[in-house]
Amino acid sequence: MKNIRVVVHGILGKMGQEVLNAVTHAEGMNVVGGADYYTTVDSIALPDNCGEIPIRQNIHEILVDADVAVDFTNAEGATSVIDATTRNGVNAVIGSTGLSQESIDNANKLSTKHGTGIIIAPNFAMGAVLMSYLVEKASRFFEYADLTEVHHEGKIDAPSGTALAIAQSAANGRQGSFTAPTPDEELVKGTRGGVHQGVVIHSGRMPGRVAHHEMVFGALGQTLTIRHDSINRESFMPGVLMAIKASTQQKGLVLGLDKIMGL
């Protein structure tokens, strides 16, 4: 069986570099090109100096020899990748967050029309996906839910896509909204955080963090805490590699890594 040929969009970013390294050292796949809006060169070296690959500013220019494109940029970049890959018969793995429902619906329509596979996931760390699964199972036993997420200072959206997915899992499991107490007096505006389906969400951004999510359920006389931490960006790579393989084996849109993990 031939290797899966991968193009990385956002290849010069931190996640793009992790994907480049992971795919280069993975069995059964190899990186054949990259795209990055900020590139000033036409090629970059592969890890361990085992060759070079072409790099372009526009994803459209680098898809000729690709089977799968992996995107870790932003919502706008992901939308351009979805459009370019489907029209060129290339599968896509999307790790960018902040996609609108309209963009997701369009991805579904384009993948169906052109017969390609698209996997969109808010988080590729398997532990974080398992956290959402456990949260959904536990939520029906509790009336109160408080979720804290902390990421590196460069993350532009808040709350994180993973936090919203966890909160939604909690609401799905409870089959309704949680109770979110409103303070009589809020001495510092915004201290209580935002609310999604009754789940109170707090967001933090600081150096030294990659991704932290902690759900605390409360009931009479007890609490339950479910927590996941990504210590470094390597934690996302097994999920990314799994998604790359899965995108070549099924057509249409898949939302969430849980679908290909069998949860």
Protein backbone atom coordinates (compact mmCIF):
# COMPACT_ATOMS: atom_id res chain seq x y z
CA MET A 1 0.00 0.00 0.00
CA LYS A 2 1.36 3.42 -0.95
CA ASN A 3 2.11 6.07 1.63
CA ILE A 4 -0.50 8.74 2.35
CA ARG A 5 0.80 12.01 0.89
CA VAL A 6 0.19 14.92 3.27
CA VAL A 7 0.25 18.70 2.82
CA VAL A 8 0.39 20.88 5.96
CA HIS A 9 -1.39 24.24 5.94
CA GLY A 10 0.12 26.63 8.48
CA ILE A 11 3.34 24.66 8.32
CA LEU A 12 5.48 27.44 9.82
CA GLY A 13 3.33 27.73 12.96
CA LYS A 14 3.90 25.80 16.18
CA MET A 15 1.22 23.20 15.46
CA GLY A 16 2.23 23.02 11.81
CA GLN A 17 5.80 22.19 12.83
CA GLU A 18 4.54 19.46 15.18
CA VAL A 19 2.45 17.95 12.39
CA LEU A 20 5.43 18.11 10.01
CA ASN A 21 7.61 16.27 12.51
CA ALA A 22 4.96 13.67 13.42
CA VAL A 23 4.01 12.81 9.84
CA THR A 24 7.66 12.67 8.72
CA HIS A 25 8.38 10.04 11.36
CA ALA A 26 5.08 8.14 11.01
CA GLU A 27 4.86 4.85 9.18
CA GLY A 28 2.72 4.82 6.04
CA MET A 29 2.64 8.57 5.33
CA ASN A 30 4.91 11.40 4.31
CA VAL A 31 4.77 15.19 3.89
CA VAL A 32 4.92 16.28 0.25
CA GLY A 33 4.40 20.01 0.68
CA GLY A 34 3.33 22.88 2.87
CA ALA A 35 1.48 26.16 2.69
CA ASP A 36 1.82 29.20 4.89
CA TYR A 37 0.66 32.77 4.33
CA TYR A 38 3.83 34.12 5.94
CA THR A 39 6.41 32.15 3.97
CA THR A 40 9.21 34.04 2.23
CA VAL A 41 10.90 30.91 0.82
CA ASP A 42 9.96 28.27 -1.77
CA SER A 43 11.09 25.19 0.16
CA ILE A 44 11.86 24.05 3.69
CA ALA A 45 13.93 21.21 5.10
CA LEU A 46 12.28 18.12 6.51
CA PRO A 47 13.10 17.11 10.10
CA ASP A 48 16.46 15.33 10.51
CA ASN A 49 17.61 16.90 7.22
CA CYS A 50 16.09 14.05 5.23
CA GLY A 51 15.20 16.20 2.24
CA GLU A 52 13.20 19.29 1.32
CA ILE A 53 9.58 19.98 0.44
CA PRO A 54 8.02 22.86 -1.51
CA ILE A 55 6.11 25.55 0.37
CA ARG A 56 3.68 28.11 -1.04
CA GLN A 57 1.57 30.94 0.36
CA ASN A 58 -1.60 29.63 -1.27
CA ILE A 59 -2.90 26.14 -0.45
CA HIS A 60 -4.33 25.87 -4.00
CA GLU A 61 -0.80 25.75 -5.42
CA ILE A 62 0.43 22.74 -3.45
CA LEU A 63 -2.35 20.12 -3.65
CA VAL A 64 -1.42 18.40 -6.92
CA ASP A 65 0.36 15.42 -5.33
CA ALA A 66 -1.57 15.32 -2.03
CA ASP A 67 -4.01 12.81 -0.55
CA VAL A 68 -4.71 14.77 2.66
CA ALA A 69 -4.30 18.37 3.77
CA VAL A 70 -3.95 19.11 7.49
CA ASP A 71 -4.90 22.60 8.70
CA PHE A 72 -3.95 24.29 11.97
CA THR A 73 -4.41 28.01 11.28
CA ASN A 74 -7.67 29.83 12.01
CA ALA A 75 -11.30 29.74 10.91
CA GLU A 76 -10.61 31.75 7.75
CA GLY A 77 -7.68 29.54 6.81
CA ALA A 78 -9.66 26.38 7.47
CA THR A 79 -12.48 27.59 5.22
CA SER A 80 -10.04 28.14 2.36
CA VAL A 81 -8.58 24.65 2.88
CA ILE A 82 -12.02 23.03 2.82
CA ASP A 83 -12.84 24.82 -0.42
CA ALA A 84 -9.50 24.02 -2.08
CA THR A 85 -9.27 20.37 -1.04
CA THR A 86 -12.79 19.35 -1.96
CA ARG A 87 -12.52 20.94 -5.41
CA ASN A 88 -9.24 19.09 -5.99
CA GLY A 89 -10.40 15.71 -4.69
CA VAL A 90 -8.15 15.90 -1.62
CA ASN A 91 -9.21 14.87 1.90
CA ALA A 92 -8.84 17.27 4.83
CA VAL A 93 -8.16 17.22 8.56
CA ILE A 94 -9.13 20.49 10.24
CA GLY A 95 -7.76 21.39 13.66
CA SER A 96 -8.55 25.11 13.53
CA THR A 97 -11.33 26.24 15.87
CA GLY A 98 -13.91 29.01 15.60
CA LEU A 99 -15.63 27.68 12.47
CA SER A 100 -19.18 28.99 12.09
CA GLN A 101 -22.14 26.65 11.63
CA GLU A 102 -22.40 27.99 8.09
CA SER A 103 -18.81 26.90 7.38
CA ILE A 104 -19.46 23.45 8.85
CA ASP A 105 -22.63 23.06 6.77
CA ASN A 106 -20.67 24.12 3.68
CA ALA A 107 -17.97 21.54 4.46
CA ASN A 108 -20.63 18.86 4.65
CA LYS A 109 -22.13 19.94 1.32
CA LEU A 110 -18.77 20.16 -0.49
CA SER A 111 -17.43 16.83 0.83
CA THR A 112 -20.61 15.08 -0.25
CA LYS A 113 -20.60 16.72 -3.68
CA HIS A 114 -16.94 15.96 -4.43
CA GLY A 115 -16.65 12.61 -2.62
CA THR A 116 -13.89 13.61 -0.21
CA GLY A 117 -13.38 13.00 3.49
CA ILE A 118 -13.23 15.89 5.96
CA ILE A 119 -12.57 15.50 9.68
CA ILE A 120 -13.10 18.57 11.86
CA ALA A 121 -12.19 18.27 15.54
CA PRO A 122 -11.89 20.92 18.28
CA ASN A 123 -9.20 18.86 20.00
CA PHE A 124 -6.94 16.02 18.83
CA ALA A 125 -5.71 15.00 22.29
CA MET A 126 -7.38 11.66 22.96
CA GLY A 127 -7.48 12.40 26.69
CA ALA A 128 -9.50 15.56 26.06
CA VAL A 129 -11.92 13.62 23.87
CA LEU A 130 -12.29 11.01 26.61
CA MET A 131 -12.91 13.84 29.08
CA SER A 132 -15.91 14.99 27.02
CA TYR A 133 -17.18 11.41 26.96
CA LEU A 134 -16.88 11.04 30.75
CA VAL A 135 -18.46 14.45 31.34
CA GLU A 136 -21.50 13.43 29.34
CA LYS A 137 -21.87 10.22 31.34
CA ALA A 138 -21.56 11.99 34.72
CA SER A 139 -23.65 15.08 34.03
CA ARG A 140 -27.10 13.60 34.64
CA PHE A 141 -26.26 13.06 38.31
CA PHE A 142 -25.45 16.73 39.05
CA GLU A 143 -27.30 20.04 38.94
CA TYR A 144 -24.32 22.43 38.94
CA ALA A 145 -21.36 22.51 36.54
CA ASP A 146 -18.34 24.83 36.46
CA LEU A 147 -15.74 24.58 33.67
CA THR A 148 -12.31 26.25 33.62
CA GLU A 149 -10.08 26.30 30.54
CA VAL A 150 -6.57 27.78 30.38
CA HIS A 151 -4.41 28.03 27.25
CA HIS A 152 -1.21 29.69 26.09
CA GLU A 153 -1.29 33.47 25.72
CA GLY A 154 -1.35 33.29 21.91
CA LYS A 155 -4.74 31.57 21.61
CA ILE A 156 -7.11 34.07 20.04
CA ASP A 157 -10.56 32.61 20.78
CA ALA A 158 -12.23 32.23 24.17
CA PRO A 159 -13.62 30.00 25.38
CA SER A 160 -11.74 27.28 23.53
CA GLY A 161 -13.55 25.08 21.04
CA THR A 162 -12.83 22.15 23.34
CA ALA A 163 -14.42 23.94 26.30
CA LEU A 164 -17.57 24.57 24.29
CA ALA A 165 -17.61 20.91 23.20
CA ILE A 166 -17.21 19.76 26.83
CA ALA A 167 -19.99 22.09 27.98
CA GLN A 168 -22.25 20.81 25.22
CA SER A 169 -21.45 17.21 26.17
CA ALA A 170 -22.50 18.02 29.73
CA ALA A 171 -25.77 19.54 28.51
CA ASN A 172 -26.41 16.56 26.24
CA GLY A 173 -25.87 14.13 29.08
CA ARG A 174 -28.12 16.07 31.42
CA GLN A 175 -30.69 16.53 28.64
CA GLY A 176 -31.28 20.07 29.80
CA SER A 177 -29.64 23.09 31.34
CA PHE A 178 -27.68 23.21 34.59
CA THR A 179 -28.38 25.68 37.36
CA ALA A 180 -26.06 28.68 37.11
CA PRO A 181 -26.39 30.81 40.27
CA THR A 182 -26.37 34.57 39.71
CA PRO A 183 -24.46 36.59 42.35
CA ASP A 184 -26.34 39.34 44.17
CA GLU A 185 -23.30 41.54 43.76
CA GLU A 186 -20.40 41.09 41.31
CA LEU A 187 -17.54 43.21 42.66
CA VAL A 188 -15.41 42.64 39.54
CA LYS A 189 -17.38 42.46 36.29
CA GLY A 190 -17.14 39.09 34.55
CA THR A 191 -15.86 37.23 37.64
CA ARG A 192 -18.55 34.59 37.35
CA GLY A 193 -17.56 33.81 33.75
CA GLY A 194 -19.77 33.08 30.77
CA VAL A 195 -22.62 30.59 30.67
CA HIS A 196 -23.40 27.90 28.08
CA GLN A 197 -26.44 25.70 28.73
CA GLY A 198 -26.11 26.51 32.42
CA VAL A 199 -22.42 25.48 32.51
CA VAL A 200 -20.35 28.36 33.88
CA ILE A 201 -17.15 28.75 31.83
CA HIS A 202 -13.97 30.58 32.86
CA SER A 203 -11.12 31.26 30.40
CA GLY A 204 -7.48 32.04 31.18
CA ARG A 205 -4.54 32.84 28.91
CA MET A 206 -0.92 32.74 30.07
CA PRO A 207 2.60 31.58 29.17
CA GLY A 208 3.55 28.12 30.40
CA ARG A 209 0.24 26.52 29.44
CA VAL A 210 -0.66 24.51 26.37
CA ALA A 211 -4.22 23.36 27.15
CA HIS A 212 -5.99 22.78 30.46
CA HIS A 213 -9.66 21.86 30.95
CA GLU A 214 -11.28 21.13 34.30
CA MET A 215 -14.96 20.39 34.89
CA VAL A 216 -16.30 20.48 38.43
CA PHE A 217 -19.78 19.09 39.05
CA GLY A 218 -21.55 20.01 42.27
CA ALA A 219 -24.35 18.36 44.23
CA LEU A 220 -25.48 18.28 47.85
CA GLY A 221 -22.42 17.53 49.99
CA GLN A 222 -20.10 16.51 47.14
CA THR A 223 -18.20 17.55 44.03
CA LEU A 224 -16.77 15.59 41.11
CA THR A 225 -13.75 16.90 39.17
CA ILE A 226 -12.78 15.69 35.69
CA ARG A 227 -9.59 17.26 34.36
CA HIS A 228 -7.29 16.99 31.37
CA ASP A 229 -3.96 18.70 30.65
CA SER A 230 -1.95 18.76 27.45
CA ILE A 231 1.63 19.24 28.62
CA ASN A 232 2.98 19.90 25.14
CA ARG A 233 1.78 19.89 21.53
CA GLU A 234 3.00 16.33 21.01
CA SER A 235 -0.14 15.25 22.88
CA PHE A 236 -2.24 16.11 19.81
CA MET A 237 -0.21 14.13 17.29
CA PRO A 238 -1.54 10.57 17.79
CA GLY A 239 -5.03 11.94 17.18
CA VAL A 240 -3.89 13.87 14.11
CA LEU A 241 -2.26 10.77 12.62
CA MET A 242 -5.40 8.75 13.34
CA ALA A 243 -7.51 11.40 11.61
CA ILE A 244 -5.23 11.51 8.55
CA LYS A 245 -5.68 7.76 8.05
CA ALA A 246 -9.43 7.91 8.72
CA SER A 247 -9.98 10.75 6.24
CA THR A 248 -8.79 8.51 3.40
CA GLN A 249 -11.08 5.66 4.43
CA GLN A 250 -14.46 7.40 4.66
CA LYS A 251 -16.23 10.04 2.66
CA GLY A 252 -18.24 13.01 3.88
CA LEU A 253 -17.89 15.16 6.99
CA VAL A 254 -16.97 13.80 10.42
CA LEU A 255 -17.26 16.13 13.40
CA GLY A 256 -15.13 15.19 16.39
CA LEU A 257 -12.33 12.74 17.02
CA ASP A 258 -14.70 10.66 19.16
CA LYS A 259 -16.40 9.36 16.00
CA ILE A 260 -13.21 7.70 14.78
CA MET A 261 -12.16 6.59 18.28
CA GLY A 262 -15.34 4.52 18.52
CA LEU A 263 -16.78 6.30 21.57
